[in-house]
Amino acid sequence: MSTVLTDVYSILCLNSLGTLIDIGRTEISSDAYHVIQNMVLCDKILVIGGNHGKIWRVDKITDNYGDIFSLLENVPVELTHDRYTIYDDKFDNPNIFYSDSIEQGQRFVDSGKKVHSIDFFNRSLQYIELANKLGVYLSLHPERAKFLASRLKSPNRQSISEIAIGRLENHIKNFESIEYAGVDFSVPPVAEYVINFVKKKKVDLPTAVHQIRISKNAIAFRNKCSEIDDFIKSFGPRSSVPLLQKLIQEIDEFVLKWRNDFNLGIKYEIREISLRKLWGIGSFLDSVGLGEIAVKDPVLKYKYPHLLFLNDLYKSME
């Protein structure tokens, strides 16, 4: 089962979006992108739900998203309250505020002042220790993750779904059309997919997450990632190398087809038919360049059904 641990502040940022995203808005705070993506790709998201979480009513926030979240009532690592520090360029002394003052903090952010935290590093280390004890992946708030990455030599291990999505994105970045499409790669593809679903279907965020999460393609993709994730837990990282290599090769094979047509391998396959041996006219057809013709055969059985969700991210919603 693919499970991630996220911090309380990430859930508060998710709550700050509200239950309904304004249809007219073109941008959404990046604070919650990682949580939105995890809600679709992961089996479970763990978040502190004991006295710490109850201060911020995390249980009420996560209730909006069905059974995606699991609250940790007993935490094997002591975690103090999330504290964030706003450094104002004009002053030497930082103003400290706590996570329940998210609106106050956002005002500082909107005013263009730099946001850091004197607790980021220590808090992140605590979450790393907790994730290791629980045997799950770690998905911190972007600012905390970036701060941590700049100070740790080894990068945080990614979930299998993140590895697969990242492989896809690396290929897409090399497509010639990208420079004209204006793709913002800072927005995770699944989060963008959810946001577009909200706007097009005119539904609230929890409904959009739920509908995409239970789609046939999303379930197949999530199951495949969970299968590899379970294998890693049971047999260790080295033993999982062949499975991961196979998944990467499958993605590469699919994307190679999509360079010319995103429907190739999804709606149809190309079959070459030789006309050279047709009695009487075969040699003539060959001489005028019609010795072979391409026929589009409808796909009746998918070779890699667990990768169809990756195609969904780059196709218009029906």
C-alpha atoms as a PDB file:
ATOM      1  CA  MET A   1       0.000   0.000   0.000  1.00  0.00           C
ATOM      2  CA  SER A   2       1.396   3.409  -1.004  1.00  0.00           C
ATOM      3  CA  THR A   3       1.196   5.613   2.087  1.00  0.00           C
ATOM      4  CA  VAL A   4       2.658   9.066   2.700  1.00  0.00           C
ATOM      5  CA  LEU A   5       3.072  11.155   5.821  1.00  0.00           C
ATOM      6  CA  THR A   6       2.410  14.870   5.507  1.00  0.00           C
ATOM      7  CA  ASP A   7       2.696  17.716   7.992  1.00  0.00           C
ATOM      8  CA  VAL A   8      -0.190  19.484   9.676  1.00  0.00           C
ATOM      9  CA  TYR A   9       0.582  22.778   7.984  1.00  0.00           C
ATOM     10  CA  SER A  10       0.051  21.174   4.563  1.00  0.00           C
ATOM     11  CA  ILE A  11      -3.463  20.185   5.629  1.00  0.00           C
ATOM     12  CA  LEU A  12      -4.148  23.705   6.863  1.00  0.00           C
ATOM     13  CA  CYS A  13      -3.017  25.046   3.492  1.00  0.00           C
ATOM     14  CA  LEU A  14      -5.396  22.628   1.797  1.00  0.00           C
ATOM     15  CA  ASN A  15      -8.201  23.914   3.993  1.00  0.00           C
ATOM     16  CA  SER A  16      -7.347  27.505   3.075  1.00  0.00           C
ATOM     17  CA  LEU A  17      -8.439  26.746  -0.505  1.00  0.00           C
ATOM     18  CA  GLY A  18     -11.979  26.244   0.759  1.00  0.00           C
ATOM     19  CA  THR A  19     -14.319  23.472  -0.281  1.00  0.00           C
ATOM     20  CA  LEU A  20     -15.144  25.222  -3.545  1.00  0.00           C
ATOM     21  CA  ILE A  21     -12.528  26.651  -5.872  1.00  0.00           C
ATOM     22  CA  ASP A  22     -13.749  29.782  -7.591  1.00  0.00           C
ATOM     23  CA  ILE A  23     -14.410  28.792 -11.220  1.00  0.00           C
ATOM     24  CA  GLY A  24     -13.054  32.099 -12.448  1.00  0.00           C
ATOM     25  CA  ARG A  25      -9.677  31.773 -10.791  1.00  0.00           C
ATOM     26  CA  THR A  26      -6.740  30.830 -12.982  1.00  0.00           C
ATOM     27  CA  GLU A  27      -4.237  30.183 -10.211  1.00  0.00           C
ATOM     28  CA  ILE A  28      -4.324  28.326  -6.921  1.00  0.00           C
ATOM     29  CA  SER A  29      -1.772  28.576  -4.142  1.00  0.00           C
ATOM     30  CA  SER A  30       1.066  26.118  -4.652  1.00  0.00           C
ATOM     31  CA  ASP A  31       0.994  25.329  -0.921  1.00  0.00           C
ATOM     32  CA  ALA A  32      -1.513  22.513  -1.488  1.00  0.00           C
ATOM     33  CA  TYR A  33      -0.393  21.087  -4.848  1.00  0.00           C
ATOM     34  CA  HIS A  34       1.480  18.175  -3.255  1.00  0.00           C
ATOM     35  CA  VAL A  35      -1.464  17.253  -1.036  1.00  0.00           C
ATOM     36  CA  ILE A  36      -3.936  17.353  -3.940  1.00  0.00           C
ATOM     37  CA  GLN A  37      -1.678  15.099  -6.010  1.00  0.00           C
ATOM     38  CA  ASN A  38      -1.178  12.671  -3.134  1.00  0.00           C
ATOM     39  CA  MET A  39      -4.941  12.437  -2.567  1.00  0.00           C
ATOM     40  CA  VAL A  40      -5.294  10.935  -6.039  1.00  0.00           C
ATOM     41  CA  LEU A  41      -2.114   8.851  -6.235  1.00  0.00           C
ATOM     42  CA  CYS A  42      -1.750   7.405  -2.737  1.00  0.00           C
ATOM     43  CA  ASP A  43      -3.748   4.816  -0.864  1.00  0.00           C
ATOM     44  CA  LYS A  44      -3.460   6.720   2.399  1.00  0.00           C
ATOM     45  CA  ILE A  45      -2.171  10.043   3.707  1.00  0.00           C
ATOM     46  CA  LEU A  46      -1.123  10.079   7.355  1.00  0.00           C
ATOM     47  CA  VAL A  47      -1.381  13.251   9.417  1.00  0.00           C
ATOM     48  CA  ILE A  48      -1.037  14.025  13.106  1.00  0.00           C
ATOM     49  CA  GLY A  49      -4.470  13.622  14.659  1.00  0.00           C
ATOM     50  CA  GLY A  50      -3.763  13.635  18.395  1.00  0.00           C
ATOM     51  CA  ASN A  51      -3.715  16.680  20.656  1.00  0.00           C
ATOM     52  CA  HIS A  52      -1.484  18.439  18.158  1.00  0.00           C
ATOM     53  CA  GLY A  53      -3.851  17.948  15.236  1.00  0.00           C
ATOM     54  CA  LYS A  54      -6.962  18.633  17.265  1.00  0.00           C
ATOM     55  CA  ILE A  55      -5.752  22.145  18.033  1.00  0.00           C
ATOM     56  CA  TRP A  56      -6.192  22.949  14.374  1.00  0.00           C
ATOM     57  CA  ARG A  57      -9.256  20.683  13.874  1.00  0.00           C
ATOM     58  CA  VAL A  58      -7.407  18.563  11.342  1.00  0.00           C
ATOM     59  CA  ASP A  59     -10.053  15.869  11.738  1.00  0.00           C
ATOM     60  CA  LYS A  60     -12.738  18.238  10.450  1.00  0.00           C
ATOM     61  CA  ILE A  61     -10.619  19.207   7.452  1.00  0.00           C
ATOM     62  CA  THR A  62      -9.766  15.657   6.430  1.00  0.00           C
ATOM     63  CA  ASP A  63     -13.382  14.504   6.847  1.00  0.00           C
ATOM     64  CA  ASN A  64     -14.168  16.380   3.629  1.00  0.00           C
ATOM     65  CA  TYR A  65     -12.098  13.878   1.665  1.00  0.00           C
ATOM     66  CA  GLY A  66     -13.640  10.587   2.739  1.00  0.00           C
ATOM     67  CA  ASP A  67     -11.270   7.863   3.886  1.00  0.00           C
ATOM     68  CA  ILE A  68      -8.155   9.145   2.108  1.00  0.00           C
ATOM     69  CA  PHE A  69      -6.637  10.424   5.349  1.00  0.00           C
ATOM     70  CA  SER A  70      -5.704   8.469   8.476  1.00  0.00           C
ATOM     71  CA  LEU A  71      -5.091  10.408  11.684  1.00  0.00           C
ATOM     72  CA  LEU A  72      -2.182   9.400  13.918  1.00  0.00           C
ATOM     73  CA  GLU A  73      -3.436   9.567  17.483  1.00  0.00           C
ATOM     74  CA  ASN A  74      -0.299   8.088  19.034  1.00  0.00           C
ATOM     75  CA  VAL A  75       2.890   9.525  17.575  1.00  0.00           C
ATOM     76  CA  PRO A  76       6.127   7.629  18.376  1.00  0.00           C
ATOM     77  CA  VAL A  77       8.158  10.814  17.927  1.00  0.00           C
ATOM     78  CA  GLU A  78       7.581  13.930  20.009  1.00  0.00           C
ATOM     79  CA  LEU A  79       6.387  16.720  17.727  1.00  0.00           C
ATOM     80  CA  THR A  80       5.903  20.276  18.963  1.00  0.00           C
ATOM     81  CA  HIS A  81       3.483  22.738  17.403  1.00  0.00           C
ATOM     82  CA  ASP A  82       4.215  23.863  13.858  1.00  0.00           C
ATOM     83  CA  ARG A  83       5.780  27.297  14.116  1.00  0.00           C
ATOM     84  CA  TYR A  84       6.608  29.553  11.190  1.00  0.00           C
ATOM     85  CA  THR A  85       8.715  32.671  11.120  1.00  0.00           C
ATOM     86  CA  ILE A  86       8.165  35.569   8.757  1.00  0.00           C
ATOM     87  CA  TYR A  87      11.333  37.464   7.921  1.00  0.00           C
ATOM     88  CA  ASP A  88      10.598  40.987   6.859  1.00  0.00           C
ATOM     89  CA  ASP A  89      13.225  42.558   4.604  1.00  0.00           C
ATOM     90  CA  LYS A  90      12.837  45.846   6.493  1.00  0.00           C
ATOM     91  CA  PHE A  91      13.377  44.486   9.987  1.00  0.00           C
ATOM     92  CA  ASP A  92      16.003  42.387  11.702  1.00  0.00           C
ATOM     93  CA  ASN A  93      13.622  40.805  14.200  1.00  0.00           C
ATOM     94  CA  PRO A  94      11.309  38.132  12.842  1.00  0.00           C
ATOM     95  CA  ASN A  95       7.605  38.041  13.651  1.00  0.00           C
ATOM     96  CA  ILE A  96       6.595  34.580  14.825  1.00  0.00           C
ATOM     97  CA  PHE A  97       3.109  33.214  14.289  1.00  0.00           C
ATOM     98  CA  TYR A  98       1.559  29.790  14.723  1.00  0.00           C
ATOM     99  CA  SER A  99      -0.235  27.593  12.241  1.00  0.00           C
ATOM    100  CA  ASP A 100      -3.708  28.677  13.324  1.00  0.00           C
ATOM    101  CA  SER A 101      -2.877  32.115  11.950  1.00  0.00           C
ATOM    102  CA  ILE A 102      -2.589  30.932   8.367  1.00  0.00           C
ATOM    103  CA  GLU A 103      -4.478  33.977   7.059  1.00  0.00           C
ATOM    104  CA  GLN A 104      -2.024  36.263   8.834  1.00  0.00           C
ATOM    105  CA  GLY A 105       0.878  34.371   7.312  1.00  0.00           C
ATOM    106  CA  GLN A 106      -0.665  34.547   3.851  1.00  0.00           C
ATOM    107  CA  ARG A 107      -0.867  38.316   4.115  1.00  0.00           C
ATOM    108  CA  PHE A 108       2.889  38.395   4.657  1.00  0.00           C
ATOM    109  CA  VAL A 109       3.405  36.122   1.667  1.00  0.00           C
ATOM    110  CA  ASP A 110       1.103  38.183  -0.554  1.00  0.00           C
ATOM    111  CA  SER A 111       2.992  41.329   0.377  1.00  0.00           C
ATOM    112  CA  GLY A 112       6.132  39.876  -1.146  1.00  0.00           C
ATOM    113  CA  LYS A 113       8.053  39.296   2.089  1.00  0.00           C
ATOM    114  CA  LYS A 114      10.309  36.283   2.409  1.00  0.00           C
ATOM    115  CA  VAL A 115       8.968  33.285   4.306  1.00  0.00           C
ATOM    116  CA  HIS A 116      11.258  30.991   6.273  1.00  0.00           C
ATOM    117  CA  SER A 117      11.102  29.150   9.550  1.00  0.00           C
ATOM    118  CA  ILE A 118      13.571  28.759  12.348  1.00  0.00           C
ATOM    119  CA  ASP A 119      11.861  25.453  13.089  1.00  0.00           C
ATOM    120  CA  PHE A 120      11.819  24.082   9.532  1.00  0.00           C
ATOM    121  CA  PHE A 121      14.949  22.006   9.864  1.00  0.00           C
ATOM    122  CA  ASN A 122      14.277  20.500  13.303  1.00  0.00           C
ATOM    123  CA  ARG A 123      10.612  19.895  12.505  1.00  0.00           C
ATOM    124  CA  SER A 124      11.530  18.258   9.203  1.00  0.00           C
ATOM    125  CA  LEU A 125      14.002  15.955  10.911  1.00  0.00           C
ATOM    126  CA  GLN A 126      11.242  14.917  13.300  1.00  0.00           C
ATOM    127  CA  TYR A 127       8.943  14.099  10.403  1.00  0.00           C
ATOM    128  CA  ILE A 128      11.737  12.122   8.727  1.00  0.00           C
ATOM    129  CA  GLU A 129      12.199  10.103  11.911  1.00  0.00           C
ATOM    130  CA  LEU A 130       8.454   9.524  12.184  1.00  0.00           C
ATOM    131  CA  ALA A 131       8.183   8.429   8.527  1.00  0.00           C
ATOM    132  CA  ASN A 132      11.064   5.995   9.036  1.00  0.00           C
ATOM    133  CA  LYS A 133       9.469   4.519  12.161  1.00  0.00           C
ATOM    134  CA  LEU A 134       6.161   4.088  10.328  1.00  0.00           C
ATOM    135  CA  GLY A 135       7.794   2.792   7.133  1.00  0.00           C
ATOM    136  CA  VAL A 136       6.032   5.306   4.865  1.00  0.00           C
ATOM    137  CA  TYR A 137       6.986   7.966   2.350  1.00  0.00           C
ATOM    138  CA  LEU A 138       7.332  11.594   3.424  1.00  0.00           C
ATOM    139  CA  SER A 139       5.597  14.478   1.650  1.00  0.00           C
ATOM    140  CA  LEU A 140       6.239  17.774   3.419  1.00  0.00           C
ATOM    141  CA  HIS A 141       4.965  21.266   2.685  1.00  0.00           C
ATOM    142  CA  PRO A 142       6.965  22.568  -0.334  1.00  0.00           C
ATOM    143  CA  GLU A 143       8.799  25.278   1.626  1.00  0.00           C
ATOM    144  CA  ARG A 144       9.838  22.792   4.293  1.00  0.00           C
ATOM    145  CA  ALA A 145      10.816  20.167   1.703  1.00  0.00           C
ATOM    146  CA  LYS A 146      12.919  22.705  -0.202  1.00  0.00           C
ATOM    147  CA  PHE A 147      14.561  23.931   2.990  1.00  0.00           C
ATOM    148  CA  LEU A 148      15.349  20.370   4.015  1.00  0.00           C
ATOM    149  CA  ALA A 149      16.688  19.346   0.597  1.00  0.00           C
ATOM    150  CA  SER A 150      19.184  22.223   0.705  1.00  0.00           C
ATOM    151  CA  ARG A 151      20.617  20.921   3.983  1.00  0.00           C
ATOM    152  CA  LEU A 152      20.594  17.154   3.597  1.00  0.00           C
ATOM    153  CA  LYS A 153      23.077  15.311   1.400  1.00  0.00           C
ATOM    154  CA  SER A 154      20.709  12.519   0.396  1.00  0.00           C
ATOM    155  CA  PRO A 155      17.346  13.365  -1.202  1.00  0.00           C
ATOM    156  CA  ASN A 156      14.094  12.186   0.323  1.00  0.00           C
ATOM    157  CA  ARG A 157      13.002   8.876  -1.227  1.00  0.00           C
ATOM    158  CA  GLN A 158      10.104   9.377  -3.618  1.00  0.00           C
ATOM    159  CA  SER A 159       6.977   7.270  -3.781  1.00  0.00           C
ATOM    160  CA  ILE A 160       6.614   4.961  -6.783  1.00  0.00           C
ATOM    161  CA  SER A 161       3.830   7.110  -8.236  1.00  0.00           C
ATOM    162  CA  GLU A 162       6.059  10.196  -8.023  1.00  0.00           C
ATOM    163  CA  ILE A 163       8.849   8.322  -9.824  1.00  0.00           C
ATOM    164  CA  ALA A 164       6.456   7.292 -12.613  1.00  0.00           C
ATOM    165  CA  ILE A 165       4.985  10.790 -12.983  1.00  0.00           C
ATOM    166  CA  GLY A 166       8.480  12.294 -12.941  1.00  0.00           C
ATOM    167  CA  ARG A 167       9.633   9.939 -15.712  1.00  0.00           C
ATOM    168  CA  LEU A 168       6.667  10.982 -17.825  1.00  0.00           C
ATOM    169  CA  GLU A 169       7.297  14.686 -17.218  1.00  0.00           C
ATOM    170  CA  ASN A 170      10.984  14.381 -18.157  1.00  0.00           C
ATOM    171  CA  HIS A 171       9.949  12.954 -21.530  1.00  0.00           C
ATOM    172  CA  ILE A 172       7.232  15.566 -22.089  1.00  0.00           C
ATOM    173  CA  LYS A 173       9.708  18.389 -21.412  1.00  0.00           C
ATOM    174  CA  ASN A 174      11.602  17.301 -24.537  1.00  0.00           C
ATOM    175  CA  PHE A 175       8.566  17.465 -26.834  1.00  0.00           C
ATOM    176  CA  GLU A 176       8.943  20.204 -29.447  1.00  0.00           C
ATOM    177  CA  SER A 177       5.450  21.543 -28.782  1.00  0.00           C
ATOM    178  CA  ILE A 178       6.193  22.279 -25.114  1.00  0.00           C
ATOM    179  CA  GLU A 179       7.735  25.675 -25.801  1.00  0.00           C
ATOM    180  CA  TYR A 180       4.539  26.753 -27.556  1.00  0.00           C
ATOM    181  CA  ALA A 181       2.084  25.150 -25.112  1.00  0.00           C
ATOM    182  CA  GLY A 182       3.251  27.184 -22.121  1.00  0.00           C
ATOM    183  CA  VAL A 183       3.222  24.251 -19.687  1.00  0.00           C
ATOM    184  CA  ASP A 184       4.014  25.268 -16.100  1.00  0.00           C
ATOM    185  CA  PHE A 185       6.095  22.371 -14.781  1.00  0.00           C
ATOM    186  CA  SER A 186       6.071  23.839 -11.277  1.00  0.00           C
ATOM    187  CA  VAL A 187       2.474  22.625 -11.030  1.00  0.00           C
ATOM    188  CA  PRO A 188       2.340  18.832 -10.508  1.00  0.00           C
ATOM    189  CA  PRO A 189       0.394  17.252 -13.403  1.00  0.00           C
ATOM    190  CA  VAL A 190      -2.153  15.461 -11.220  1.00  0.00           C
ATOM    191  CA  ALA A 191      -2.875  18.627  -9.238  1.00  0.00           C
ATOM    192  CA  GLU A 192      -3.412  20.509 -12.515  1.00  0.00           C
ATOM    193  CA  TYR A 193      -5.696  17.706 -13.696  1.00  0.00           C
ATOM    194  CA  VAL A 194      -7.808  18.019 -10.544  1.00  0.00           C
ATOM    195  CA  ILE A 195      -7.979  21.816 -10.803  1.00  0.00           C
ATOM    196  CA  ASN A 196      -9.060  21.619 -14.454  1.00  0.00           C
ATOM    197  CA  PHE A 197     -11.705  19.059 -13.458  1.00  0.00           C
ATOM    198  CA  VAL A 198     -13.060  21.491 -10.850  1.00  0.00           C
ATOM    199  CA  LYS A 199     -13.336  24.271 -13.403  1.00  0.00           C
ATOM    200  CA  LYS A 200     -14.809  22.220 -16.217  1.00  0.00           C
ATOM    201  CA  LYS A 201     -17.261  20.155 -14.173  1.00  0.00           C
ATOM    202  CA  LYS A 202     -18.074  23.054 -11.812  1.00  0.00           C
ATOM    203  CA  VAL A 203     -17.735  20.919  -8.686  1.00  0.00           C
ATOM    204  CA  ASP A 204     -15.983  21.476  -5.373  1.00  0.00           C
ATOM    205  CA  LEU A 205     -12.480  20.230  -4.651  1.00  0.00           C
ATOM    206  CA  PRO A 206     -13.431  17.151  -2.562  1.00  0.00           C
ATOM    207  CA  THR A 207     -15.820  15.993  -5.314  1.00  0.00           C
ATOM    208  CA  ALA A 208     -13.177  16.431  -8.011  1.00  0.00           C
ATOM    209  CA  VAL A 209     -10.596  14.496  -6.003  1.00  0.00           C
ATOM    210  CA  HIS A 210     -13.076  11.702  -5.339  1.00  0.00           C
ATOM    211  CA  GLN A 211     -14.246  11.383  -8.955  1.00  0.00           C
ATOM    212  CA  ILE A 212     -10.713  11.237 -10.356  1.00  0.00           C
ATOM    213  CA  ARG A 213      -9.497   8.957  -7.575  1.00  0.00           C
ATOM    214  CA  ILE A 214     -12.177   6.316  -8.258  1.00  0.00           C
ATOM    215  CA  SER A 215     -11.760   6.406 -12.030  1.00  0.00           C
ATOM    216  CA  LYS A 216     -10.781   3.077 -13.562  1.00  0.00           C
ATOM    217  CA  ASN A 217      -7.444   4.368 -14.853  1.00  0.00           C
ATOM    218  CA  ALA A 218      -6.461   6.038 -11.564  1.00  0.00           C
ATOM    219  CA  ILE A 219      -7.235   2.858  -9.622  1.00  0.00           C
ATOM    220  CA  ALA A 220      -5.138   0.713 -11.996  1.00  0.00           C
ATOM    221  CA  PHE A 221      -2.194   3.128 -11.755  1.00  0.00           C
ATOM    222  CA  ARG A 222      -2.462   3.329  -7.966  1.00  0.00           C
ATOM    223  CA  ASN A 223      -2.637  -0.474  -7.677  1.00  0.00           C
ATOM    224  CA  LYS A 224       0.495  -0.956  -9.787  1.00  0.00           C
ATOM    225  CA  CYS A 225       2.433   1.595  -7.718  1.00  0.00           C
ATOM    226  CA  SER A 226       1.195  -0.049  -4.511  1.00  0.00           C
ATOM    227  CA  GLU A 227       2.328  -3.442  -5.790  1.00  0.00           C
ATOM    228  CA  ILE A 228       5.872  -2.186  -6.266  1.00  0.00           C
ATOM    229  CA  ASP A 229       5.731  -0.284  -2.975  1.00  0.00           C
ATOM    230  CA  ASP A 230       4.707  -3.452  -1.104  1.00  0.00           C
ATOM    231  CA  PHE A 231       7.515  -5.374  -2.800  1.00  0.00           C
ATOM    232  CA  ILE A 232      10.071  -2.815  -1.611  1.00  0.00           C
ATOM    233  CA  LYS A 233       8.809  -3.087   1.961  1.00  0.00           C
ATOM    234  CA  SER A 234       8.951  -6.872   1.872  1.00  0.00           C
ATOM    235  CA  PHE A 235      12.218  -7.506   0.047  1.00  0.00           C
ATOM    236  CA  GLY A 236      14.163  -4.239   0.195  1.00  0.00           C
ATOM    237  CA  PRO A 237      15.156  -1.572  -2.359  1.00  0.00           C
ATOM    238  CA  ARG A 238      17.726  -3.660  -4.253  1.00  0.00           C
ATOM    239  CA  SER A 239      15.270  -6.453  -4.925  1.00  0.00           C
ATOM    240  CA  SER A 240      12.798  -3.924  -6.340  1.00  0.00           C
ATOM    241  CA  VAL A 241      15.217  -2.705  -9.029  1.00  0.00           C
ATOM    242  CA  PRO A 242      13.904  -5.115 -11.737  1.00  0.00           C
ATOM    243  CA  LEU A 243      10.287  -4.086 -11.051  1.00  0.00           C
ATOM    244  CA  LEU A 244      11.129  -0.394 -11.161  1.00  0.00           C
ATOM    245  CA  GLN A 245      13.206  -0.846 -14.304  1.00  0.00           C
ATOM    246  CA  LYS A 246      10.288  -2.625 -15.974  1.00  0.00           C
ATOM    247  CA  LEU A 247       7.910   0.204 -15.038  1.00  0.00           C
ATOM    248  CA  ILE A 248      10.319   2.817 -16.401  1.00  0.00           C
ATOM    249  CA  GLN A 249      10.744   0.887 -19.664  1.00  0.00           C
ATOM    250  CA  GLU A 250       6.967   0.610 -20.045  1.00  0.00           C
ATOM    251  CA  ILE A 251       6.601   4.377 -19.610  1.00  0.00           C
ATOM    252  CA  ASP A 252       9.394   4.994 -22.110  1.00  0.00           C
ATOM    253  CA  GLU A 253       7.698   2.701 -24.646  1.00  0.00           C
ATOM    254  CA  PHE A 254       4.358   4.434 -24.279  1.00  0.00           C
ATOM    255  CA  VAL A 255       5.785   7.954 -24.463  1.00  0.00           C
ATOM    256  CA  LEU A 256       7.779   7.056 -27.578  1.00  0.00           C
ATOM    257  CA  LYS A 257       4.436   6.416 -29.307  1.00  0.00           C
ATOM    258  CA  TRP A 258       2.912   9.607 -27.909  1.00  0.00           C
ATOM    259  CA  ARG A 259       5.581  11.732 -29.566  1.00  0.00           C
ATOM    260  CA  ASN A 260       3.536  11.514 -32.755  1.00  0.00           C
ATOM    261  CA  ASP A 261       0.042  10.728 -31.509  1.00  0.00           C
ATOM    262  CA  PHE A 262      -1.332  10.601 -27.954  1.00  0.00           C
ATOM    263  CA  ASN A 263      -4.032   8.179 -29.139  1.00  0.00           C
ATOM    264  CA  LEU A 264      -1.491   5.604 -30.312  1.00  0.00           C
ATOM    265  CA  GLY A 265      -1.591   2.598 -28.028  1.00  0.00           C
ATOM    266  CA  ILE A 266      -4.670   4.041 -26.336  1.00  0.00           C
ATOM    267  CA  LYS A 267      -7.386   4.099 -28.983  1.00  0.00           C
ATOM    268  CA  TYR A 268      -5.622   2.261 -31.799  1.00  0.00           C
ATOM    269  CA  GLU A 269      -2.426   0.579 -32.925  1.00  0.00           C
ATOM    270  CA  ILE A 270      -0.800   0.944 -36.341  1.00  0.00           C
ATOM    271  CA  ARG A 271      -0.534  -2.206 -38.459  1.00  0.00           C
ATOM    272  CA  GLU A 272       1.476  -2.241 -41.695  1.00  0.00           C
ATOM    273  CA  ILE A 273      -0.047  -4.231 -44.557  1.00  0.00           C
ATOM    274  CA  SER A 274       2.109  -5.247 -47.509  1.00  0.00           C
ATOM    275  CA  LEU A 275       0.507  -4.938 -50.959  1.00  0.00           C
ATOM    276  CA  ARG A 276       3.615  -5.975 -52.872  1.00  0.00           C
ATOM    277  CA  LYS A 277       2.452  -9.553 -53.354  1.00  0.00           C
ATOM    278  CA  LEU A 278      -0.996  -8.717 -54.689  1.00  0.00           C
ATOM    279  CA  TRP A 279      -1.414 -10.593 -57.946  1.00  0.00           C
ATOM    280  CA  GLY A 280      -1.255  -8.360 -60.955  1.00  0.00           C
ATOM    281  CA  ILE A 281      -0.843  -4.953 -59.338  1.00  0.00           C
ATOM    282  CA  GLY A 282       1.603  -5.614 -56.486  1.00  0.00           C
ATOM    283  CA  SER A 283       4.696  -4.554 -58.400  1.00  0.00           C
ATOM    284  CA  PHE A 284       2.929  -1.461 -59.725  1.00  0.00           C
ATOM    285  CA  LEU A 285       1.788  -0.359 -56.277  1.00  0.00           C
ATOM    286  CA  ASP A 286       5.288  -0.867 -54.965  1.00  0.00           C
ATOM    287  CA  SER A 287       6.740   1.246 -57.766  1.00  0.00           C
ATOM    288  CA  VAL A 288       4.515   4.210 -56.870  1.00  0.00           C
ATOM    289  CA  GLY A 289       5.284   3.989 -53.165  1.00  0.00           C
ATOM    290  CA  LEU A 290       2.148   2.106 -52.114  1.00  0.00           C
ATOM    291  CA  GLY A 291       3.810  -1.233 -51.395  1.00  0.00           C
ATOM    292  CA  GLU A 292       2.781  -0.898 -47.751  1.00  0.00           C
ATOM    293  CA  ILE A 293      -0.163   0.885 -46.144  1.00  0.00           C
ATOM    294  CA  ALA A 294      -0.797   1.713 -42.495  1.00  0.00           C
ATOM    295  CA  VAL A 295      -4.075   0.596 -40.964  1.00  0.00           C
ATOM    296  CA  LYS A 296      -5.416   1.786 -37.619  1.00  0.00           C
ATOM    297  CA  ASP A 297      -6.653  -1.198 -35.627  1.00  0.00           C
ATOM    298  CA  PRO A 298      -8.757  -0.382 -32.547  1.00  0.00           C
ATOM    299  CA  VAL A 299      -7.140  -1.411 -29.262  1.00  0.00           C
ATOM    300  CA  LEU A 300      -9.094  -4.327 -27.830  1.00  0.00           C
ATOM    301  CA  LYS A 301      -6.689  -5.204 -25.015  1.00  0.00           C
ATOM    302  CA  TYR A 302      -4.249  -2.754 -23.495  1.00  0.00           C
ATOM    303  CA  LYS A 303      -0.647  -3.828 -23.148  1.00  0.00           C
ATOM    304  CA  TYR A 304      -0.081  -1.650 -20.086  1.00  0.00           C
ATOM    305  CA  PRO A 305      -3.506  -0.774 -18.624  1.00  0.00           C
ATOM    306  CA  HIS A 306      -1.884   0.665 -15.507  1.00  0.00           C
ATOM    307  CA  LEU A 307      -0.356   3.482 -17.575  1.00  0.00           C
ATOM    308  CA  LEU A 308      -3.598   4.776 -19.088  1.00  0.00           C
ATOM    309  CA  PHE A 309      -3.904   7.291 -16.250  1.00  0.00           C
ATOM    310  CA  LEU A 310      -0.690   8.964 -17.425  1.00  0.00           C
ATOM    311  CA  ASN A 311      -2.362   9.535 -20.780  1.00  0.00           C
ATOM    312  CA  ASP A 312      -5.407  11.052 -19.040  1.00  0.00           C
ATOM    313  CA  LEU A 313      -3.218  13.846 -17.706  1.00  0.00           C
ATOM    314  CA  TYR A 314      -2.582  15.094 -21.238  1.00  0.00           C
ATOM    315  CA  LYS A 315      -5.980  14.550 -22.806  1.00  0.00           C
ATOM    316  CA  SER A 316      -9.092  16.704 -22.776  1.00  0.00           C
ATOM    317  CA  MET A 317     -11.770  15.613 -20.343  1.00  0.00           C
ATOM    318  CA  GLU A 318     -14.827  14.086 -21.982  1.00  0.00           C
END
